[in-house]
């Protein structure tokens, strides 16, 4: 596919495509004897992702990090879409918080008639701390690497991870303590491989969950395909108030 075909397909200008190429976000095949560079379907997908993230105001360097993360996972289209959705949710949460803060500032000014700089600064700092916490989140436990053997590891059946004492008993105790009633709904934040969520589901609870590890989610879906899941962290999906 030539650059003009790529531009027509995505309804953007060739100049924009060259710009993203210069920034190293896409790397089309080298020019052939005719001097034309050729773009693959993978390039189309990457460029669609770039355009989408630019539309929500993401900076080039942030997009570069997202693209690198996608390449690191080398996953399916579904996994790439989930990564993109997670990023979009994160941006949506950030914008929602900014709007909420601005609304609060407006109401305070209307009520007091003056601008309290200290109070406004405190509101702004709250947004900043939330953003920094979310941006600095890292998986310190490498759940992507241990997902396939996680259930064996927590039960102590395999070395390499701290086993969870009385793991099955603890999960059963949690369900008993909650005493869920058939027809209720539940959200498992950090669903992992779905061991807790599935127990609630078997009690007639409509469960869903999210996790920051793509591989853990994949394992969860293999074991419990009836439980809807999404990629995300507590600082994204749960704070958004968006039903999974």
Protein backbone atom coordinates (compact mmCIF):
# COMPACT_ATOMS: atom_id res chain seq x y z
CA UNK A 1 0.00 0.00 0.00
CA UNK A 2 1.40 3.40 -0.98
CA UNK A 3 1.20 6.51 1.14
CA UNK A 4 -1.58 8.03 -0.96
CA UNK A 5 -3.66 4.86 -0.51
CA UNK A 6 -2.98 4.93 3.23
CA UNK A 7 -4.04 8.58 3.44
CA UNK A 8 -7.24 7.99 1.48
CA UNK A 9 -8.15 4.96 3.59
CA UNK A 10 -7.70 6.76 6.90
CA UNK A 11 -8.83 10.16 5.62
CA UNK A 12 -5.70 11.96 6.74
CA UNK A 13 -3.05 13.80 4.76
CA UNK A 14 0.16 12.23 3.44
CA UNK A 15 1.96 14.99 5.32
CA UNK A 16 0.55 13.72 8.62
CA UNK A 17 1.70 10.20 7.81
CA UNK A 18 5.21 11.45 7.00
CA UNK A 19 5.23 13.36 10.30
CA UNK A 20 4.42 10.25 12.33
CA UNK A 21 7.05 8.37 10.36
CA UNK A 22 9.64 11.05 11.15
CA UNK A 23 8.75 10.70 14.84
CA UNK A 24 9.40 6.97 14.62
CA UNK A 25 5.81 5.95 15.43
CA UNK A 26 5.44 3.97 12.21
CA UNK A 27 8.16 2.31 10.15
CA UNK A 28 6.97 1.40 6.66
CA UNK A 29 8.97 -0.91 4.43
CA UNK A 30 11.94 0.73 2.76
CA UNK A 31 11.49 2.25 -0.65
CA UNK A 32 11.81 -0.07 -3.62
CA UNK A 33 13.38 0.73 -6.98
CA UNK A 34 10.53 3.11 -7.74
CA UNK A 35 11.36 5.13 -4.63
CA UNK A 36 8.00 4.48 -2.97
CA UNK A 37 7.63 3.25 0.59
CA UNK A 38 5.10 0.47 1.17
CA UNK A 39 2.72 0.27 4.12
CA UNK A 40 1.32 -2.97 5.53
CA UNK A 41 -1.97 -3.71 7.28
CA UNK A 42 -0.03 -3.56 10.55
CA UNK A 43 1.02 -0.02 9.64
CA UNK A 44 -2.64 0.81 9.04
CA UNK A 45 -3.57 -0.48 12.50
CA UNK A 46 -0.72 1.44 14.16
CA UNK A 47 -1.64 4.64 12.38
CA UNK A 48 -5.30 4.25 13.35
CA UNK A 49 -4.18 3.96 16.96
CA UNK A 50 -1.97 7.04 16.65
CA UNK A 51 -4.73 9.13 15.10
CA UNK A 52 -7.21 8.03 17.78
CA UNK A 53 -4.86 8.94 20.62
CA UNK A 54 -4.01 12.27 19.02
CA UNK A 55 -7.73 13.03 18.80
CA UNK A 56 -8.01 12.78 22.59
CA UNK A 57 -5.05 15.12 23.07
CA UNK A 58 -2.24 12.68 23.80
CA UNK A 59 1.28 13.97 23.21
CA UNK A 60 3.66 12.30 20.76
CA UNK A 61 6.00 11.01 23.48
CA UNK A 62 3.09 9.46 25.38
CA UNK A 63 1.86 7.81 22.19
CA UNK A 64 5.36 6.45 21.64
CA UNK A 65 5.20 4.74 25.04
CA UNK A 66 1.83 3.20 24.19
CA UNK A 67 3.12 1.92 20.85
CA UNK A 68 6.20 0.42 22.50
CA UNK A 69 3.98 -1.33 25.04
CA UNK A 70 1.92 -2.81 22.22
CA UNK A 71 5.06 -4.06 20.49
CA UNK A 72 6.35 -5.57 23.74
CA UNK A 73 3.20 -7.64 24.13
CA UNK A 74 3.25 -8.85 20.52
CA UNK A 75 -0.36 -9.80 21.10
CA UNK A 76 -3.48 -10.23 19.06
CA UNK A 77 -5.63 -7.46 17.66
CA UNK A 78 -7.92 -7.92 20.66
CA UNK A 79 -5.06 -7.28 23.08
CA UNK A 80 -3.99 -4.19 21.14
CA UNK A 81 -7.53 -2.87 21.18
CA UNK A 82 -7.71 -3.45 24.92
CA UNK A 83 -4.50 -1.51 25.44
CA UNK A 84 -5.90 1.32 23.37
CA UNK A 85 -9.18 1.28 25.29
CA UNK A 86 -7.32 1.35 28.60
CA UNK A 87 -5.36 4.41 27.52
CA UNK A 88 -8.53 6.13 26.32
CA UNK A 89 -10.27 5.39 29.62
CA UNK A 90 -7.31 6.86 31.46
CA UNK A 91 -7.49 10.04 29.40
CA UNK A 92 -11.25 10.16 29.86
CA UNK A 93 -10.90 9.90 33.64
CA UNK A 94 -8.31 12.66 33.63
CA UNK A 95 -10.51 14.97 31.57
CA UNK A 96 -13.54 14.16 33.74
CA UNK A 97 -11.61 15.08 36.85
CA UNK A 98 -10.44 18.32 35.27
CA UNK A 99 -14.02 19.22 34.33
CA UNK A 100 -15.21 18.38 37.83
CA UNK A 101 -12.45 20.50 39.37
CA UNK A 102 -13.25 23.42 37.08
CA UNK A 103 -16.96 23.17 37.96
CA UNK A 104 -16.07 23.21 41.66
CA UNK A 105 -13.89 26.27 41.14
CA UNK A 106 -16.70 28.06 39.32
CA UNK A 107 -19.20 27.30 42.09
CA UNK A 108 -16.81 28.52 44.77
CA UNK A 109 -16.19 31.78 42.93
CA UNK A 110 -19.95 32.26 42.41
CA UNK A 111 -20.63 31.60 46.09
CA UNK A 112 -17.77 33.58 47.62
CA UNK A 113 -17.54 36.31 45.01
CA UNK A 114 -13.75 36.13 45.14
CA UNK A 115 -11.10 33.66 44.07
CA UNK A 116 -9.45 31.86 46.96
CA UNK A 117 -6.07 31.02 45.46
CA UNK A 118 -5.17 28.53 48.19
CA UNK A 119 -8.40 26.55 47.76
CA UNK A 120 -8.09 26.51 43.99
CA UNK A 121 -4.49 25.35 44.27
CA UNK A 122 -5.55 22.52 46.57
CA UNK A 123 -8.11 21.33 44.02
CA UNK A 124 -5.56 21.44 41.22
CA UNK A 125 -3.00 19.56 43.31
CA UNK A 126 -5.53 16.79 43.91
CA UNK A 127 -5.81 16.21 40.17
CA UNK A 128 -2.05 16.30 39.81
CA UNK A 129 -1.50 13.68 42.54
CA UNK A 130 -4.07 11.36 40.98
CA UNK A 131 -2.45 11.68 37.56
CA UNK A 132 1.03 11.06 38.95
CA UNK A 133 -0.15 8.01 40.90
CA UNK A 134 -1.78 6.57 37.80
CA UNK A 135 1.16 7.34 35.50
CA UNK A 136 3.71 5.91 37.94
CA UNK A 137 1.88 2.63 38.43
CA UNK A 138 4.01 -0.37 37.51
CA UNK A 139 3.51 -4.12 37.83
CA UNK A 140 6.12 -4.93 40.47
CA UNK A 141 5.08 -8.58 40.59
CA UNK A 142 5.43 -9.36 36.86
CA UNK A 143 1.97 -10.90 36.62
CA UNK A 144 2.23 -11.14 32.84
CA UNK A 145 5.13 -13.55 33.25
CA UNK A 146 3.51 -15.78 35.90
CA UNK A 147 -0.09 -15.74 34.63
CA UNK A 148 -0.03 -19.23 33.10
CA UNK A 149 1.14 -20.77 36.37
CA UNK A 150 -0.40 -18.34 38.84
CA UNK A 151 -2.94 -20.79 40.26
CA UNK A 152 -0.24 -23.36 40.96
CA UNK A 153 2.08 -20.73 42.43
CA UNK A 154 -0.41 -19.35 44.97
CA UNK A 155 -1.21 -22.90 46.09
CA UNK A 156 2.48 -23.64 46.61
CA UNK A 157 2.50 -26.33 43.93
CA UNK A 158 5.27 -24.58 42.01
CA UNK A 159 8.30 -22.59 43.18
CA UNK A 160 8.96 -19.01 42.17
CA UNK A 161 6.20 -17.04 43.92
CA UNK A 162 5.06 -16.53 47.48
CA UNK A 163 2.31 -19.11 48.13
CA UNK A 164 -0.90 -17.88 49.74
CA UNK A 165 -1.63 -19.81 52.91
CA UNK A 166 -5.11 -21.37 53.00
CA UNK A 167 -5.84 -19.73 49.66
CA UNK A 168 -9.00 -21.67 48.78
CA UNK A 169 -10.34 -21.37 52.33
CA UNK A 170 -9.79 -17.59 52.33
CA UNK A 171 -11.71 -17.17 49.06
CA UNK A 172 -14.60 -19.26 50.36
CA UNK A 173 -14.60 -17.23 53.59
CA UNK A 174 -14.81 -13.97 51.65
CA UNK A 175 -17.83 -15.20 49.72
CA UNK A 176 -19.50 -16.41 52.89
CA UNK A 177 -18.84 -13.10 54.65
CA UNK A 178 -20.34 -11.10 51.79
CA UNK A 179 -23.31 -13.48 51.64
CA UNK A 180 -24.31 -12.46 48.12
CA UNK A 181 -27.92 -12.79 47.01
CA UNK A 182 -28.85 -14.23 43.64
CA UNK A 183 -29.39 -11.49 41.07
CA UNK A 184 -26.94 -9.02 42.62
CA UNK A 185 -23.99 -7.58 40.70
CA UNK A 186 -20.32 -7.51 41.63
CA UNK A 187 -17.04 -5.98 40.46
CA UNK A 188 -13.70 -7.70 41.09
CA UNK A 189 -10.95 -5.07 41.04
CA UNK A 190 -7.78 -6.95 40.14
CA UNK A 191 -9.61 -10.06 39.01
CA UNK A 192 -6.45 -12.01 38.19
CA UNK A 193 -7.34 -15.49 36.93
CA UNK A 194 -10.89 -15.14 38.24
CA UNK A 195 -10.74 -17.45 41.25
CA UNK A 196 -12.80 -15.18 43.50
CA UNK A 197 -15.15 -13.81 40.83
CA UNK A 198 -16.06 -17.30 39.67
CA UNK A 199 -17.14 -18.25 43.19
CA UNK A 200 -19.57 -15.34 43.26
CA UNK A 201 -20.75 -16.15 39.74
CA UNK A 202 -21.59 -19.70 40.81
CA UNK A 203 -23.82 -18.17 43.49
CA UNK A 204 -25.88 -16.40 40.79
CA UNK A 205 -24.05 -13.07 41.01
CA UNK A 206 -23.53 -11.12 37.77
CA UNK A 207 -19.78 -10.57 38.03
CA UNK A 208 -17.35 -8.50 35.96
CA UNK A 209 -13.78 -7.42 36.61
CA UNK A 210 -10.66 -5.66 35.48
CA UNK A 211 -6.95 -6.23 35.84
CA UNK A 212 -3.77 -4.47 34.76
CA UNK A 213 -2.23 -7.66 33.33
CA UNK A 214 -3.22 -8.74 29.83
CA UNK A 215 -1.94 -12.25 30.40
CA UNK A 216 -3.87 -12.68 33.64
CA UNK A 217 -7.02 -11.54 31.84
CA UNK A 218 -6.38 -13.99 29.05
CA UNK A 219 -6.06 -16.82 31.57
CA UNK A 220 -9.22 -15.65 33.35
CA UNK A 221 -11.18 -15.69 30.09
CA UNK A 222 -9.99 -19.18 29.31
CA UNK A 223 -11.16 -20.45 32.70
CA UNK A 224 -14.30 -18.33 33.08
CA UNK A 225 -15.53 -17.08 29.68
CA UNK A 226 -18.87 -16.09 31.22
CA UNK A 227 -17.25 -13.32 33.34
CA UNK A 228 -16.80 -10.03 31.38
CA UNK A 229 -13.39 -8.43 31.93
CA UNK A 230 -11.46 -5.35 30.89
CA UNK A 231 -7.88 -4.18 30.97
CA UNK A 232 -7.34 -1.38 33.48
CA UNK A 233 -6.18 -0.34 36.93
CA UNK A 234 -8.03 0.99 39.95
CA UNK A 235 -6.95 4.46 38.88
CA UNK A 236 -8.69 4.07 35.53
CA UNK A 237 -11.84 1.98 35.31
CA UNK A 238 -12.92 2.01 38.93
CA UNK A 239 -12.55 5.76 39.37
CA UNK A 240 -14.35 6.45 36.13
CA UNK A 241 -17.60 5.16 37.48
CA UNK A 242 -18.04 3.43 34.14
CA UNK A 243 -19.84 0.11 34.36
CA UNK A 244 -17.71 -2.73 33.02
